[in-house]
Amino acid sequence: MTAAAAERMIPAAAGRLTPDAPLAPLVWFKSGGKAEWLFEPKDADDLSAFLAALEPDVPVMALGLGSNLIVRDGGVPGVVVRLGKAFSTVERLDGVTLRCGGGASGILVSSTARDAGIGGMEFLRSIPGTVGGFVRMNGGAYGRETADILVECEVVLRSGERKVLTRDDLGYTYRHSALPEGAVVIAATFRGEPADPAAISAEMDRIAEAREASQPLRTKTGGSTFKNPPGDKAWRLVDAAGCRGLMRGGAQVSEKHCNFLINTGSATSDDIEALGEDVRRRVRESQGIELEWEIQRVGVAK
């Protein structure tokens, strides 16, 4: 345990609390440092009580499937919250509405919607993340985004207070929300429309096949690296800047889809982030466009 961790008063909890917890195994890039504390709450009450008792200056970060994340090599100070099985349920409320736990995966939500004859959620099949991440980042793909289906979400604020926020409260823009810092999404209500399960299944299969054909899914990657600028595609700009296949240490711009960075096996998080910054510089210098990171970068450099 770090000296800083030892000095902090960490409240007791019913869930699992792990000091100096390695995060690399929990993120898709398989790189990065440790969490000062990793907290896996037993349930929502446990999370709320823990955050209420936690010293206010201790930072809190939620971690989903780690598919859109660079954890820097120096690790993440404070508490990383990871939601487990208690937060991974999906419940049908009516003919077109699902209530989903913050830890539920996109595949589980879209499959449940399909079986219930609820259309409009097929795109979640293609996002390798959890409901909490979708809500926080307005996750989207294939012409749809979370703002299109979200009714409301329930969060535990950094203070421990539980609060319900509507879609309008979240101030959604492209891959961004106004969710308060340190808040953890524990549930969300999604609304679709009536549809034929066979048609939903066919659309989900089409999306899965398109992803398999165009994205480096069987590598250590982090999903789309940069946001698409208005009226253009990030991958096209990266390719035009001559960055396809570009390497830095063990990190590489994917040759299959050059808006993806991959860990070829030995990359540090510094390699990956530095490669991304190199790509941004080359696009800026060659085309005058400032690419914005879509991947979240957290923690401290080593």
C-alpha atoms as a PDB file:
ATOM      1  CA  MET A   1       0.000   0.000   0.000  1.00  0.00           C
ATOM      2  CA  THR A   2       1.260   3.492  -0.803  1.00  0.00           C
ATOM      3  CA  ALA A   3       2.047   5.890   2.022  1.00  0.00           C
ATOM      4  CA  ALA A   4      -0.802   8.134   0.849  1.00  0.00           C
ATOM      5  CA  ALA A   5      -3.227   5.219   0.959  1.00  0.00           C
ATOM      6  CA  ALA A   6      -2.087   4.249   4.426  1.00  0.00           C
ATOM      7  CA  GLU A   7      -2.655   7.770   5.704  1.00  0.00           C
ATOM      8  CA  ARG A   8      -6.200   8.006   4.392  1.00  0.00           C
ATOM      9  CA  MET A   9      -9.122   6.919   6.467  1.00  0.00           C
ATOM     10  CA  ILE A  10     -11.003   4.512   4.227  1.00  0.00           C
ATOM     11  CA  PRO A  11     -14.487   3.655   5.525  1.00  0.00           C
ATOM     12  CA  ALA A  12     -15.578   0.107   6.182  1.00  0.00           C
ATOM     13  CA  ALA A  13     -17.842  -1.417   3.535  1.00  0.00           C
ATOM     14  CA  ALA A  14     -19.880  -4.556   2.953  1.00  0.00           C
ATOM     15  CA  GLY A  15     -18.340  -4.984  -0.500  1.00  0.00           C
ATOM     16  CA  ARG A  16     -14.754  -5.737  -1.443  1.00  0.00           C
ATOM     17  CA  LEU A  17     -12.028  -3.123  -0.839  1.00  0.00           C
ATOM     18  CA  THR A  18      -8.598  -3.828  -2.324  1.00  0.00           C
ATOM     19  CA  PRO A  19      -5.574  -1.560  -1.823  1.00  0.00           C
ATOM     20  CA  ASP A  20      -2.988  -1.178  -4.612  1.00  0.00           C
ATOM     21  CA  ALA A  21      -5.166  -3.092  -7.045  1.00  0.00           C
ATOM     22  CA  PRO A  22      -3.678  -3.727 -10.521  1.00  0.00           C
ATOM     23  CA  LEU A  23      -5.923  -2.213 -13.184  1.00  0.00           C
ATOM     24  CA  ALA A  24      -4.175  -3.515 -16.305  1.00  0.00           C
ATOM     25  CA  PRO A  25      -6.062  -6.854 -16.185  1.00  0.00           C
ATOM     26  CA  LEU A  26      -9.364  -4.944 -16.039  1.00  0.00           C
ATOM     27  CA  VAL A  27      -8.884  -2.748 -19.123  1.00  0.00           C
ATOM     28  CA  TRP A  28      -8.768  -3.717 -22.784  1.00  0.00           C
ATOM     29  CA  PHE A  29      -5.313  -2.264 -23.452  1.00  0.00           C
ATOM     30  CA  LYS A  30      -3.878  -4.510 -20.677  1.00  0.00           C
ATOM     31  CA  SER A  31      -1.553  -1.738 -19.591  1.00  0.00           C
ATOM     32  CA  GLY A  32      -1.301   0.835 -16.834  1.00  0.00           C
ATOM     33  CA  GLY A  33      -0.755   1.117 -13.113  1.00  0.00           C
ATOM     34  CA  LYS A  34      -2.691   0.347  -9.946  1.00  0.00           C
ATOM     35  CA  ALA A  35      -5.702   1.827  -8.215  1.00  0.00           C
ATOM     36  CA  GLU A  36      -4.892   3.207  -4.791  1.00  0.00           C
ATOM     37  CA  TRP A  37      -8.118   1.514  -3.760  1.00  0.00           C
ATOM     38  CA  LEU A  38     -10.501  -0.652  -5.801  1.00  0.00           C
ATOM     39  CA  PHE A  39     -14.025  -0.804  -4.363  1.00  0.00           C
ATOM     40  CA  GLU A  40     -16.589  -3.361  -5.536  1.00  0.00           C
ATOM     41  CA  PRO A  41     -19.754  -2.439  -3.603  1.00  0.00           C
ATOM     42  CA  LYS A  42     -22.229  -5.065  -2.453  1.00  0.00           C
ATOM     43  CA  ASP A  43     -25.217  -2.981  -3.558  1.00  0.00           C
ATOM     44  CA  ALA A  44     -26.382   0.606  -4.022  1.00  0.00           C
ATOM     45  CA  ASP A  45     -26.804   1.213  -0.295  1.00  0.00           C
ATOM     46  CA  ASP A  46     -23.259   0.026   0.327  1.00  0.00           C
ATOM     47  CA  LEU A  47     -21.907   2.379  -2.353  1.00  0.00           C
ATOM     48  CA  SER A  48     -23.917   5.315  -1.045  1.00  0.00           C
ATOM     49  CA  ALA A  49     -22.830   4.798   2.569  1.00  0.00           C
ATOM     50  CA  PHE A  50     -19.188   4.345   1.578  1.00  0.00           C
ATOM     51  CA  LEU A  51     -19.032   7.540  -0.492  1.00  0.00           C
ATOM     52  CA  ALA A  52     -20.847   9.503   2.222  1.00  0.00           C
ATOM     53  CA  ALA A  53     -18.225   8.419   4.762  1.00  0.00           C
ATOM     54  CA  LEU A  54     -15.211   8.821   2.455  1.00  0.00           C
ATOM     55  CA  GLU A  55     -13.100  11.932   3.015  1.00  0.00           C
ATOM     56  CA  PRO A  56     -14.389  14.580   0.562  1.00  0.00           C
ATOM     57  CA  ASP A  57     -10.987  15.243  -0.987  1.00  0.00           C
ATOM     58  CA  VAL A  58     -10.433  11.621  -2.064  1.00  0.00           C
ATOM     59  CA  PRO A  59     -11.081  11.324  -5.822  1.00  0.00           C
ATOM     60  CA  VAL A  60     -13.550   8.704  -7.066  1.00  0.00           C
ATOM     61  CA  MET A  61     -13.705   7.150 -10.524  1.00  0.00           C
ATOM     62  CA  ALA A  62     -16.107   4.546 -11.914  1.00  0.00           C
ATOM     63  CA  LEU A  63     -14.697   1.706 -14.029  1.00  0.00           C
ATOM     64  CA  GLY A  64     -16.845  -0.366 -16.392  1.00  0.00           C
ATOM     65  CA  LEU A  65     -15.412  -2.911 -18.818  1.00  0.00           C
ATOM     66  CA  GLY A  66     -12.350  -0.726 -19.399  1.00  0.00           C
ATOM     67  CA  SER A  67     -12.842  -0.757 -23.155  1.00  0.00           C
ATOM     68  CA  ASN A  68     -12.475   2.985 -23.710  1.00  0.00           C
ATOM     69  CA  LEU A  69      -9.747   3.773 -21.233  1.00  0.00           C
ATOM     70  CA  ILE A  70      -6.043   4.429 -20.923  1.00  0.00           C
ATOM     71  CA  VAL A  71      -4.923   3.958 -17.310  1.00  0.00           C
ATOM     72  CA  ARG A  72      -1.630   5.814 -17.018  1.00  0.00           C
ATOM     73  CA  ASP A  73       1.381   3.899 -15.743  1.00  0.00           C
ATOM     74  CA  GLY A  74       1.578   5.728 -12.417  1.00  0.00           C
ATOM     75  CA  GLY A  75      -1.862   4.442 -11.468  1.00  0.00           C
ATOM     76  CA  VAL A  76      -5.063   6.084 -10.257  1.00  0.00           C
ATOM     77  CA  PRO A  77      -5.147   7.924  -6.919  1.00  0.00           C
ATOM     78  CA  GLY A  78      -8.163   7.634  -4.675  1.00  0.00           C
ATOM     79  CA  VAL A  79     -10.928   5.083  -5.167  1.00  0.00           C
ATOM     80  CA  VAL A  80     -11.885   3.256  -8.341  1.00  0.00           C
ATOM     81  CA  VAL A  81     -15.436   1.889  -8.154  1.00  0.00           C
ATOM     82  CA  ARG A  82     -16.253  -1.244 -10.146  1.00  0.00           C
ATOM     83  CA  LEU A  83     -19.848  -2.426 -10.245  1.00  0.00           C
ATOM     84  CA  GLY A  84     -20.429  -6.182 -10.032  1.00  0.00           C
ATOM     85  CA  LYS A  85     -23.305  -8.626 -10.470  1.00  0.00           C
ATOM     86  CA  ALA A  86     -25.689  -6.714  -8.201  1.00  0.00           C
ATOM     87  CA  PHE A  87     -25.640  -3.895 -10.789  1.00  0.00           C
ATOM     88  CA  SER A  88     -25.809  -6.071 -13.913  1.00  0.00           C
ATOM     89  CA  THR A  89     -29.524  -6.807 -14.121  1.00  0.00           C
ATOM     90  CA  VAL A  90     -31.915  -5.830 -16.914  1.00  0.00           C
ATOM     91  CA  GLU A  91     -35.648  -5.663 -16.163  1.00  0.00           C
ATOM     92  CA  ARG A  92     -38.558  -5.033 -18.533  1.00  0.00           C
ATOM     93  CA  LEU A  93     -40.858  -2.305 -17.212  1.00  0.00           C
ATOM     94  CA  ASP A  94     -43.413  -2.256 -20.036  1.00  0.00           C
ATOM     95  CA  GLY A  95     -43.696  -3.046 -23.760  1.00  0.00           C
ATOM     96  CA  VAL A  96     -40.943  -0.644 -24.801  1.00  0.00           C
ATOM     97  CA  THR A  97     -38.975   0.168 -21.631  1.00  0.00           C
ATOM     98  CA  LEU A  98     -36.066  -1.492 -19.822  1.00  0.00           C
ATOM     99  CA  ARG A  99     -34.470  -0.639 -16.476  1.00  0.00           C
ATOM    100  CA  CYS A 100     -30.820  -1.600 -16.565  1.00  0.00           C
ATOM    101  CA  GLY A 101     -28.175  -1.778 -13.880  1.00  0.00           C
ATOM    102  CA  GLY A 102     -25.123   0.419 -14.335  1.00  0.00           C
ATOM    103  CA  GLY A 103     -22.915  -2.656 -14.690  1.00  0.00           C
ATOM    104  CA  ALA A 104     -25.024  -4.356 -17.375  1.00  0.00           C
ATOM    105  CA  SER A 105     -23.233  -4.887 -20.688  1.00  0.00           C
ATOM    106  CA  GLY A 106     -24.404  -3.598 -24.052  1.00  0.00           C
ATOM    107  CA  ILE A 107     -24.811  -7.172 -25.273  1.00  0.00           C
ATOM    108  CA  LEU A 108     -27.090  -8.049 -22.337  1.00  0.00           C
ATOM    109  CA  VAL A 109     -29.241  -4.934 -22.808  1.00  0.00           C
ATOM    110  CA  SER A 110     -29.625  -5.363 -26.571  1.00  0.00           C
ATOM    111  CA  SER A 111     -30.316  -9.100 -26.276  1.00  0.00           C
ATOM    112  CA  THR A 112     -32.963  -8.523 -23.607  1.00  0.00           C
ATOM    113  CA  ALA A 113     -34.550  -5.853 -25.801  1.00  0.00           C
ATOM    114  CA  ARG A 114     -34.563  -8.236 -28.764  1.00  0.00           C
ATOM    115  CA  ASP A 115     -36.249 -11.006 -26.771  1.00  0.00           C
ATOM    116  CA  ALA A 116     -38.867  -8.491 -25.550  1.00  0.00           C
ATOM    117  CA  GLY A 117     -39.548  -7.150 -29.050  1.00  0.00           C
ATOM    118  CA  ILE A 118     -38.111  -3.711 -28.260  1.00  0.00           C
ATOM    119  CA  GLY A 119     -36.343  -2.043 -31.182  1.00  0.00           C
ATOM    120  CA  GLY A 120     -33.961   0.899 -31.233  1.00  0.00           C
ATOM    121  CA  MET A 121     -31.359  -0.583 -28.887  1.00  0.00           C
ATOM    122  CA  GLU A 122     -29.560  -2.772 -31.408  1.00  0.00           C
ATOM    123  CA  PHE A 123     -26.593  -0.386 -31.562  1.00  0.00           C
ATOM    124  CA  LEU A 124     -25.679  -1.238 -27.967  1.00  0.00           C
ATOM    125  CA  ARG A 125     -24.645  -4.666 -29.280  1.00  0.00           C
ATOM    126  CA  SER A 126     -21.666  -2.992 -30.906  1.00  0.00           C
ATOM    127  CA  ILE A 127     -20.348  -1.030 -27.898  1.00  0.00           C
ATOM    128  CA  PRO A 128     -18.071  -3.065 -25.619  1.00  0.00           C
ATOM    129  CA  GLY A 129     -19.017  -1.286 -22.426  1.00  0.00           C
ATOM    130  CA  THR A 130     -21.536  -1.034 -19.610  1.00  0.00           C
ATOM    131  CA  VAL A 131     -24.667   1.039 -19.084  1.00  0.00           C
ATOM    132  CA  GLY A 132     -22.804   3.397 -16.733  1.00  0.00           C
ATOM    133  CA  GLY A 133     -20.249   4.144 -19.429  1.00  0.00           C
ATOM    134  CA  PHE A 134     -22.905   4.610 -22.111  1.00  0.00           C
ATOM    135  CA  VAL A 135     -24.732   7.127 -19.943  1.00  0.00           C
ATOM    136  CA  ARG A 136     -21.602   9.038 -18.962  1.00  0.00           C
ATOM    137  CA  MET A 137     -20.181   9.309 -22.499  1.00  0.00           C
ATOM    138  CA  ASN A 138     -23.380   9.334 -24.556  1.00  0.00           C
ATOM    139  CA  GLY A 139     -22.028   6.183 -26.149  1.00  0.00           C
ATOM    140  CA  GLY A 140     -23.156   5.493 -29.677  1.00  0.00           C
ATOM    141  CA  ALA A 141     -22.528   3.695 -32.958  1.00  0.00           C
ATOM    142  CA  TYR A 142     -24.169   2.985 -36.290  1.00  0.00           C
ATOM    143  CA  GLY A 143     -26.227   6.160 -36.327  1.00  0.00           C
ATOM    144  CA  ARG A 144     -27.652   5.930 -32.795  1.00  0.00           C
ATOM    145  CA  GLU A 145     -26.529   7.157 -29.365  1.00  0.00           C
ATOM    146  CA  THR A 146     -27.571   6.829 -25.743  1.00  0.00           C
ATOM    147  CA  ALA A 147     -29.396  10.177 -25.812  1.00  0.00           C
ATOM    148  CA  ASP A 148     -31.853   8.610 -28.303  1.00  0.00           C
ATOM    149  CA  ILE A 149     -33.077   5.995 -25.824  1.00  0.00           C
ATOM    150  CA  LEU A 150     -32.369   7.289 -22.311  1.00  0.00           C
ATOM    151  CA  VAL A 151     -35.341   8.305 -20.173  1.00  0.00           C
ATOM    152  CA  GLU A 152     -33.508   8.785 -16.880  1.00  0.00           C
ATOM    153  CA  CYS A 153     -30.650   7.417 -14.831  1.00  0.00           C
ATOM    154  CA  GLU A 154     -30.013   6.903 -11.139  1.00  0.00           C
ATOM    155  CA  VAL A 155     -26.635   7.983  -9.805  1.00  0.00           C
ATOM    156  CA  VAL A 156     -24.791   8.019  -6.524  1.00  0.00           C
ATOM    157  CA  LEU A 157     -23.100  11.393  -6.245  1.00  0.00           C
ATOM    158  CA  ARG A 158     -19.621  11.809  -4.769  1.00  0.00           C
ATOM    159  CA  SER A 159     -21.331  12.940  -1.542  1.00  0.00           C
ATOM    160  CA  GLY A 160     -23.161   9.602  -1.313  1.00  0.00           C
ATOM    161  CA  GLU A 161     -26.525  11.148  -2.209  1.00  0.00           C
ATOM    162  CA  ARG A 162     -28.674   9.113  -4.599  1.00  0.00           C
ATOM    163  CA  LYS A 163     -30.316  11.126  -7.322  1.00  0.00           C
ATOM    164  CA  VAL A 164     -32.394  10.564 -10.466  1.00  0.00           C
ATOM    165  CA  LEU A 165     -31.322  12.574 -13.520  1.00  0.00           C
ATOM    166  CA  THR A 166     -33.332  12.902 -16.722  1.00  0.00           C
ATOM    167  CA  ARG A 167     -31.834  12.936 -20.192  1.00  0.00           C
ATOM    168  CA  ASP A 168     -32.155  16.724 -20.257  1.00  0.00           C
ATOM    169  CA  ASP A 169     -30.291  16.996 -16.943  1.00  0.00           C
ATOM    170  CA  LEU A 170     -27.276  15.335 -18.567  1.00  0.00           C
ATOM    171  CA  GLY A 171     -26.805  18.039 -21.219  1.00  0.00           C
ATOM    172  CA  TYR A 172     -25.812  15.530 -23.873  1.00  0.00           C
ATOM    173  CA  THR A 173     -23.566  16.423 -26.784  1.00  0.00           C
ATOM    174  CA  TYR A 174     -21.459  14.173 -29.010  1.00  0.00           C
ATOM    175  CA  ARG A 175     -19.724  11.626 -26.725  1.00  0.00           C
ATOM    176  CA  HIS A 176     -20.142  13.882 -23.714  1.00  0.00           C
ATOM    177  CA  SER A 177     -22.467  14.451 -20.758  1.00  0.00           C
ATOM    178  CA  ALA A 178     -22.635  16.880 -17.848  1.00  0.00           C
ATOM    179  CA  LEU A 179     -22.626  14.044 -15.306  1.00  0.00           C
ATOM    180  CA  PRO A 180     -21.041  15.419 -12.111  1.00  0.00           C
ATOM    181  CA  GLU A 181     -17.437  14.518 -11.312  1.00  0.00           C
ATOM    182  CA  GLY A 182     -17.199  11.455  -9.091  1.00  0.00           C
ATOM    183  CA  ALA A 183     -20.807  10.381  -9.698  1.00  0.00           C
ATOM    184  CA  VAL A 184     -21.448   6.676 -10.326  1.00  0.00           C
ATOM    185  CA  VAL A 185     -24.335   5.601 -12.584  1.00  0.00           C
ATOM    186  CA  ILE A 186     -26.053   2.685 -10.852  1.00  0.00           C
ATOM    187  CA  ALA A 187     -29.073   2.311 -13.161  1.00  0.00           C
ATOM    188  CA  ALA A 188     -30.675   3.685 -16.318  1.00  0.00           C
ATOM    189  CA  THR A 189     -34.077   3.476 -17.958  1.00  0.00           C
ATOM    190  CA  PHE A 190     -34.066   3.040 -21.743  1.00  0.00           C
ATOM    191  CA  ARG A 191     -37.085   3.335 -24.043  1.00  0.00           C
ATOM    192  CA  GLY A 192     -37.310   1.904 -27.553  1.00  0.00           C
ATOM    193  CA  GLU A 193     -40.208   1.052 -29.836  1.00  0.00           C
ATOM    194  CA  PRO A 194     -42.156  -2.114 -30.680  1.00  0.00           C
ATOM    195  CA  ALA A 195     -40.390  -4.241 -33.257  1.00  0.00           C
ATOM    196  CA  ASP A 196     -40.240  -7.796 -34.572  1.00  0.00           C
ATOM    197  CA  PRO A 197     -37.647  -9.846 -32.678  1.00  0.00           C
ATOM    198  CA  ALA A 198     -36.509 -11.464 -35.921  1.00  0.00           C
ATOM    199  CA  ALA A 199     -35.864  -8.055 -37.487  1.00  0.00           C
ATOM    200  CA  ILE A 200     -34.023  -6.896 -34.354  1.00  0.00           C
ATOM    201  CA  SER A 201     -31.893 -10.041 -34.428  1.00  0.00           C
ATOM    202  CA  ALA A 202     -31.051  -9.499 -38.099  1.00  0.00           C
ATOM    203  CA  GLU A 203     -29.948  -5.921 -37.401  1.00  0.00           C
ATOM    204  CA  MET A 204     -27.809  -7.050 -34.461  1.00  0.00           C
ATOM    205  CA  ASP A 205     -26.168  -9.673 -36.677  1.00  0.00           C
ATOM    206  CA  ARG A 206     -25.518  -7.052 -39.370  1.00  0.00           C
ATOM    207  CA  ILE A 207     -23.858  -4.767 -36.817  1.00  0.00           C
ATOM    208  CA  ALA A 208     -21.740  -7.596 -35.403  1.00  0.00           C
ATOM    209  CA  GLU A 209     -20.569  -8.604 -38.877  1.00  0.00           C
ATOM    210  CA  ALA A 210     -19.735  -5.005 -39.800  1.00  0.00           C
ATOM    211  CA  ARG A 211     -17.646  -4.605 -36.635  1.00  0.00           C
ATOM    212  CA  GLU A 212     -15.812  -7.867 -37.225  1.00  0.00           C
ATOM    213  CA  ALA A 213     -14.995  -6.870 -40.796  1.00  0.00           C
ATOM    214  CA  SER A 214     -13.785  -3.346 -40.061  1.00  0.00           C
ATOM    215  CA  GLN A 215     -12.338  -3.258 -36.530  1.00  0.00           C
ATOM    216  CA  PRO A 216      -9.348  -4.980 -34.847  1.00  0.00           C
ATOM    217  CA  LEU A 217     -11.534  -6.707 -32.278  1.00  0.00           C
ATOM    218  CA  ARG A 218      -9.118  -9.526 -31.481  1.00  0.00           C
ATOM    219  CA  THR A 219      -6.319  -7.238 -30.315  1.00  0.00           C
ATOM    220  CA  LYS A 220      -5.571  -5.304 -27.134  1.00  0.00           C
ATOM    221  CA  THR A 221      -7.272  -2.069 -28.095  1.00  0.00           C
ATOM    222  CA  GLY A 222      -9.412   0.692 -26.652  1.00  0.00           C
ATOM    223  CA  GLY A 223     -12.072   1.259 -29.290  1.00  0.00           C
ATOM    224  CA  SER A 224     -12.373   4.486 -31.265  1.00  0.00           C
ATOM    225  CA  THR A 225      -9.476   6.708 -30.256  1.00  0.00           C
ATOM    226  CA  PHE A 226     -10.625  10.104 -31.541  1.00  0.00           C
ATOM    227  CA  LYS A 227     -14.001  11.763 -31.955  1.00  0.00           C
ATOM    228  CA  ASN A 228     -15.215  12.283 -35.513  1.00  0.00           C
ATOM    229  CA  PRO A 229     -14.874  15.986 -36.392  1.00  0.00           C
ATOM    230  CA  PRO A 230     -18.026  17.618 -37.816  1.00  0.00           C
ATOM    231  CA  GLY A 231     -18.593  16.403 -41.357  1.00  0.00           C
ATOM    232  CA  ASP A 232     -15.612  14.047 -41.418  1.00  0.00           C
ATOM    233  CA  LYS A 233     -14.282  10.754 -40.078  1.00  0.00           C
ATOM    234  CA  ALA A 234     -11.336  10.547 -37.715  1.00  0.00           C
ATOM    235  CA  TRP A 235      -9.991   7.411 -39.404  1.00  0.00           C
ATOM    236  CA  ARG A 236      -9.845   9.177 -42.770  1.00  0.00           C
ATOM    237  CA  LEU A 237      -7.862  12.067 -41.331  1.00  0.00           C
ATOM    238  CA  VAL A 238      -5.455   9.706 -39.554  1.00  0.00           C
ATOM    239  CA  ASP A 239      -4.968   7.716 -42.744  1.00  0.00           C
ATOM    240  CA  ALA A 240      -4.455  10.860 -44.844  1.00  0.00           C
ATOM    241  CA  ALA A 241      -1.765  11.988 -42.396  1.00  0.00           C
ATOM    242  CA  GLY A 242       0.182   8.807 -43.141  1.00  0.00           C
ATOM    243  CA  CYS A 243      -0.341   7.268 -39.704  1.00  0.00           C
ATOM    244  CA  ARG A 244      -1.721   3.843 -40.626  1.00  0.00           C
ATOM    245  CA  GLY A 245       0.592   1.291 -38.977  1.00  0.00           C
ATOM    246  CA  LEU A 246       2.614   3.982 -37.160  1.00  0.00           C
ATOM    247  CA  MET A 247       4.339   2.650 -34.030  1.00  0.00           C
ATOM    248  CA  ARG A 248       5.731   3.976 -30.767  1.00  0.00           C
ATOM    249  CA  GLY A 249       7.263   1.394 -28.475  1.00  0.00           C
ATOM    250  CA  GLY A 250       4.790  -1.477 -28.355  1.00  0.00           C
ATOM    251  CA  ALA A 251       1.846   0.682 -29.450  1.00  0.00           C
ATOM    252  CA  GLN A 252       0.608   0.812 -33.033  1.00  0.00           C
ATOM    253  CA  VAL A 253      -2.049   2.555 -35.108  1.00  0.00           C
ATOM    254  CA  SER A 254      -4.157  -0.338 -36.382  1.00  0.00           C
ATOM    255  CA  GLU A 255      -3.696  -1.123 -40.055  1.00  0.00           C
ATOM    256  CA  LYS A 256      -7.236  -2.536 -40.160  1.00  0.00           C
ATOM    257  CA  HIS A 257      -8.956   0.588 -38.780  1.00  0.00           C
ATOM    258  CA  CYS A 258      -6.657   3.537 -38.147  1.00  0.00           C
ATOM    259  CA  ASN A 259      -8.876   5.208 -35.552  1.00  0.00           C
ATOM    260  CA  PHE A 260      -7.898   2.318 -33.275  1.00  0.00           C
ATOM    261  CA  LEU A 261      -4.655   2.101 -31.317  1.00  0.00           C
ATOM    262  CA  ILE A 262      -3.443  -1.354 -30.332  1.00  0.00           C
ATOM    263  CA  ASN A 263      -1.040  -2.823 -27.813  1.00  0.00           C
ATOM    264  CA  THR A 264       1.087  -5.245 -29.815  1.00  0.00           C
ATOM    265  CA  GLY A 265       2.079  -6.974 -26.595  1.00  0.00           C
ATOM    266  CA  SER A 266       4.648  -4.870 -24.777  1.00  0.00           C
ATOM    267  CA  ALA A 267       3.190  -1.345 -24.867  1.00  0.00           C
ATOM    268  CA  THR A 268       3.079   0.818 -21.793  1.00  0.00           C
ATOM    269  CA  SER A 269       0.229   3.257 -21.360  1.00  0.00           C
ATOM    270  CA  ASP A 270       2.761   6.007 -21.997  1.00  0.00           C
ATOM    271  CA  ASP A 271       3.543   4.409 -25.383  1.00  0.00           C
ATOM    272  CA  ILE A 272      -0.154   4.340 -26.262  1.00  0.00           C
ATOM    273  CA  GLU A 273      -0.944   7.885 -25.166  1.00  0.00           C
ATOM    274  CA  ALA A 274       2.226   9.296 -26.743  1.00  0.00           C
ATOM    275  CA  LEU A 275       1.366   7.574 -30.034  1.00  0.00           C
ATOM    276  CA  GLY A 276      -2.085   9.151 -29.902  1.00  0.00           C
ATOM    277  CA  GLU A 277      -0.559  12.585 -29.349  1.00  0.00           C
ATOM    278  CA  ASP A 278       1.835  11.972 -32.254  1.00  0.00           C
ATOM    279  CA  VAL A 279      -1.147  11.159 -34.483  1.00  0.00           C
ATOM    280  CA  ARG A 280      -2.941  14.322 -33.336  1.00  0.00           C
ATOM    281  CA  ARG A 281       0.151  16.406 -34.142  1.00  0.00           C
ATOM    282  CA  ARG A 282       0.520  14.888 -37.616  1.00  0.00           C
ATOM    283  CA  VAL A 283      -3.152  15.462 -38.447  1.00  0.00           C
ATOM    284  CA  ARG A 284      -2.955  19.034 -37.166  1.00  0.00           C
ATOM    285  CA  GLU A 285       0.194  19.804 -39.159  1.00  0.00           C
ATOM    286  CA  SER A 286      -0.944  18.137 -42.384  1.00  0.00           C
ATOM    287  CA  GLN A 287      -4.622  19.064 -42.413  1.00  0.00           C
ATOM    288  CA  GLY A 288      -5.157  21.820 -39.872  1.00  0.00           C
ATOM    289  CA  ILE A 289      -7.666  19.809 -37.845  1.00  0.00           C
ATOM    290  CA  GLU A 290      -7.402  19.267 -34.082  1.00  0.00           C
ATOM    291  CA  LEU A 291      -8.560  15.736 -33.281  1.00  0.00           C
ATOM    292  CA  GLU A 292     -10.179  15.314 -29.863  1.00  0.00           C
ATOM    293  CA  TRP A 293      -9.578  12.219 -27.762  1.00  0.00           C
ATOM    294  CA  GLU A 294     -12.593   9.944 -27.388  1.00  0.00           C
ATOM    295  CA  ILE A 295     -10.727   7.436 -25.232  1.00  0.00           C
ATOM    296  CA  GLN A 296     -10.640   8.499 -21.593  1.00  0.00           C
ATOM    297  CA  ARG A 297      -7.147   8.913 -20.100  1.00  0.00           C
ATOM    298  CA  VAL A 298      -6.955   8.681 -16.320  1.00  0.00           C
ATOM    299  CA  GLY A 299      -4.387   8.515 -13.568  1.00  0.00           C
ATOM    300  CA  VAL A 300      -0.862   9.858 -13.340  1.00  0.00           C
ATOM    301  CA  ALA A 301       2.186   9.351 -15.545  1.00  0.00           C
ATOM    302  CA  LYS A 302       4.994   7.238 -14.112  1.00  0.00           C
END
